[in-house]
Amino acid sequence: MDTKTVMSDIPSTKSYLLSDTWVLWAHLPHVTDWSLSSYIKIMEIKELNLKNKVALITGGAGGIGKSIVENFAHYGASVVVADKSSERCEELQQILKKCSKNYLVECIDVTQKNEVKKLIKLIETQFNRLDIVVNNVGDFLELIKPFEELDDSEIEDLYSVNLKSMFMVTSEALPLIK
């Protein structure tokens, strides 16, 4: 089968053109084997065109989120990235400078409503719209123990990062999407 690899300069992502379908794979960061089996299939894309679209990706400066950001930018979207890690945000900005004209990378904590509100206002000011929201934030908070050993504050922290933030980002973004 004839395949074409694109974006090979981005180490965490591989895209292949198989016939008329783009297949996007992201490398699992904890796997050291770079064979195809160490990638997970993110999506199959047929004729993806994201020109004139504005996409917000939370947790977008690392892992799968970074792959989504890089590919959305590659396919023409203006990308807005919200991530907690300032180091990863700076690294991503350097990558986006090379492949995108319209981007915004903000180092914020999406579990904090006031920070989410400021981000949405910034998106409205800079882009005057929002078309796509990818709630990608997820973290185990290095809580490596059986569930029954988690205390209430650890459960609350996990809930805030992995579920509550999705509701908060989406509810704040909806007025801008409509």
Foldseek 3Di string as FASTA:
>chain_A
DDWDWPPVVDPQWTWICDPQKIWIWGADVVDPDPPPVRTDTDDIHGPDAAAPAEEEEEQLLDGPNVSVQVVSLQRHYQYEYEAQDPVSLVVSVVVCVVRHDHYHYDNDDLLDLVRLLVSLVVCCVPSVAHAYYHHDFADQPPPPDDPVPDDPVSVVVRCSGPPVSVVSNCVSRVVRHD
